[in-house]
Amino acid sequence: MNQLLKLILAGVLILCFFKMSYGFYRISEFALFAGFGWLAYDAFHRRDSLDVKIFVTLTIFYNPFIGLPIPNILQVIVNVIVIIGLVINILFAQENPYEDYTKKDDR
């Protein structure tokens, strides 16, 4: 589920490079905000603190309610870095990240 969500978010970011209507960009901001928020929530339940920090930062960066005053070229650079990071995360993800945390402690 999370791998598919990451792929969809990377696709939305790629589509943002093309000339689209203003409504698409507004909807994509909400989709990215919700998607990265869900990934942060899931990383919190997996107890993966690095992923939580990354996805919370991206959730704040793509916040549609309070826009950050950043130049357009910086936005493009961040989008490219996020796309590359999502693709790398998809390629090197674990099969079942939850199984390590559900096992009983052997003493």
Protein backbone atom coordinates (compact mmCIF):
# COMPACT_ATOMS: atom_id res chain seq x y z
CA MET A 1 0.00 0.00 0.00
CA ASN A 2 2.73 2.47 0.98
CA GLN A 3 4.81 1.62 -2.09
CA LEU A 4 1.84 2.39 -4.33
CA LEU A 5 1.24 5.67 -2.48
CA LYS A 6 4.88 6.66 -2.92
CA LEU A 7 4.64 5.86 -6.63
CA ILE A 8 1.47 7.96 -6.96
CA LEU A 9 3.08 10.88 -5.11
CA ALA A 10 6.15 10.69 -7.37
CA GLY A 11 3.83 10.68 -10.40
CA VAL A 12 1.98 13.75 -9.13
CA LEU A 13 5.30 15.54 -8.63
CA ILE A 14 6.38 14.61 -12.16
CA LEU A 15 3.09 15.91 -13.56
CA CYS A 16 3.73 19.22 -11.78
CA PHE A 17 6.61 19.86 -14.22
CA PHE A 18 4.16 20.10 -17.14
CA LYS A 19 2.00 23.10 -17.87
CA MET A 20 -1.29 22.40 -16.09
CA SER A 21 -4.18 24.51 -14.87
CA TYR A 22 -4.05 26.27 -11.52
CA GLY A 23 -6.66 23.86 -10.14
CA PHE A 24 -4.38 20.89 -10.75
CA TYR A 25 -1.61 22.48 -8.72
CA ARG A 26 -4.00 23.23 -5.84
CA ILE A 27 -5.35 19.66 -5.85
CA SER A 28 -1.81 18.29 -6.05
CA GLU A 29 -0.84 20.31 -2.97
CA PHE A 30 -3.67 18.70 -1.00
CA ALA A 31 -2.80 15.24 -2.35
CA LEU A 32 0.89 15.62 -1.47
CA PHE A 33 0.02 16.98 1.96
CA ALA A 34 -2.32 14.06 2.70
CA GLY A 35 0.02 11.47 1.19
CA PHE A 36 3.12 12.55 3.07
CA GLY A 37 1.03 12.91 6.23
CA TRP A 38 -0.11 9.31 5.87
CA LEU A 39 3.46 8.11 5.24
CA ALA A 40 4.62 9.99 8.38
CA TYR A 41 1.83 8.38 10.40
CA ASP A 42 2.74 4.93 9.08
CA ALA A 43 6.45 5.48 9.77
CA PHE A 44 5.54 6.48 13.33
CA HIS A 45 3.75 3.16 13.80
CA ARG A 46 6.76 1.31 12.37
CA ARG A 47 8.96 3.20 14.87
CA ASP A 48 11.20 4.49 12.08
CA SER A 49 12.31 7.87 13.39
CA LEU A 50 14.27 8.89 10.27
CA ASP A 51 11.27 8.33 7.99
CA VAL A 52 9.03 10.19 10.42
CA LYS A 53 11.32 13.23 10.31
CA ILE A 54 11.58 13.14 6.52
CA PHE A 55 7.84 12.74 5.89
CA VAL A 56 6.83 15.34 8.49
CA THR A 57 9.22 17.81 6.86
CA LEU A 58 7.72 17.05 3.45
CA THR A 59 4.22 17.39 4.89
CA ILE A 60 5.10 20.86 6.17
CA PHE A 61 6.82 21.77 2.89
CA TYR A 62 3.79 20.80 0.76
CA ASN A 63 1.28 22.33 3.19
CA PRO A 64 -1.54 23.89 1.11
CA PHE A 65 -2.95 25.97 3.97
CA ILE A 66 0.12 28.05 4.81
CA GLY A 67 2.38 28.52 1.80
CA LEU A 68 6.09 28.89 2.28
CA PRO A 69 7.56 31.92 0.48
CA ILE A 70 10.25 30.15 -1.56
CA PRO A 71 11.50 30.91 -5.09
CA ASN A 72 10.24 28.78 -7.95
CA ILE A 73 13.69 27.39 -8.81
CA LEU A 74 14.11 26.13 -5.24
CA GLN A 75 10.68 24.45 -5.46
CA VAL A 76 11.77 22.68 -8.66
CA ILE A 77 15.03 21.51 -7.07
CA VAL A 78 13.19 20.17 -4.01
CA ASN A 79 10.65 18.40 -6.25
CA VAL A 80 13.44 16.66 -8.18
CA ILE A 81 15.15 15.59 -4.94
CA VAL A 82 11.86 14.28 -3.52
CA ILE A 83 11.09 12.32 -6.71
CA ILE A 84 14.54 10.71 -6.65
CA GLY A 85 14.21 9.96 -2.93
CA LEU A 86 10.78 8.36 -3.36
CA VAL A 87 12.00 6.16 -6.22
CA ILE A 88 15.04 5.06 -4.21
CA ASN A 89 12.81 4.39 -1.20
CA ILE A 90 10.50 2.26 -3.37
CA LEU A 91 13.41 0.27 -4.82
CA PHE A 92 15.12 -0.46 -1.51
CA ALA A 93 12.07 -0.97 0.72
CA GLN A 94 11.70 -4.00 2.96
CA GLU A 95 9.18 -6.69 2.11
CA ASN A 96 7.28 -6.51 5.41
CA PRO A 97 8.55 -3.74 7.72
CA TYR A 98 6.00 -4.58 10.43
CA GLU A 99 7.14 -8.11 11.18
CA ASP A 100 10.19 -7.08 13.24
CA TYR A 101 8.05 -5.14 15.72
CA THR A 102 5.34 -7.73 16.23
CA LYS A 103 7.55 -10.59 17.42
CA LYS A 104 7.72 -11.42 21.11
CA ASP A 105 10.91 -10.69 22.95
CA ASP A 106 12.97 -13.89 23.46
CA ARG A 107 14.60 -13.90 26.88
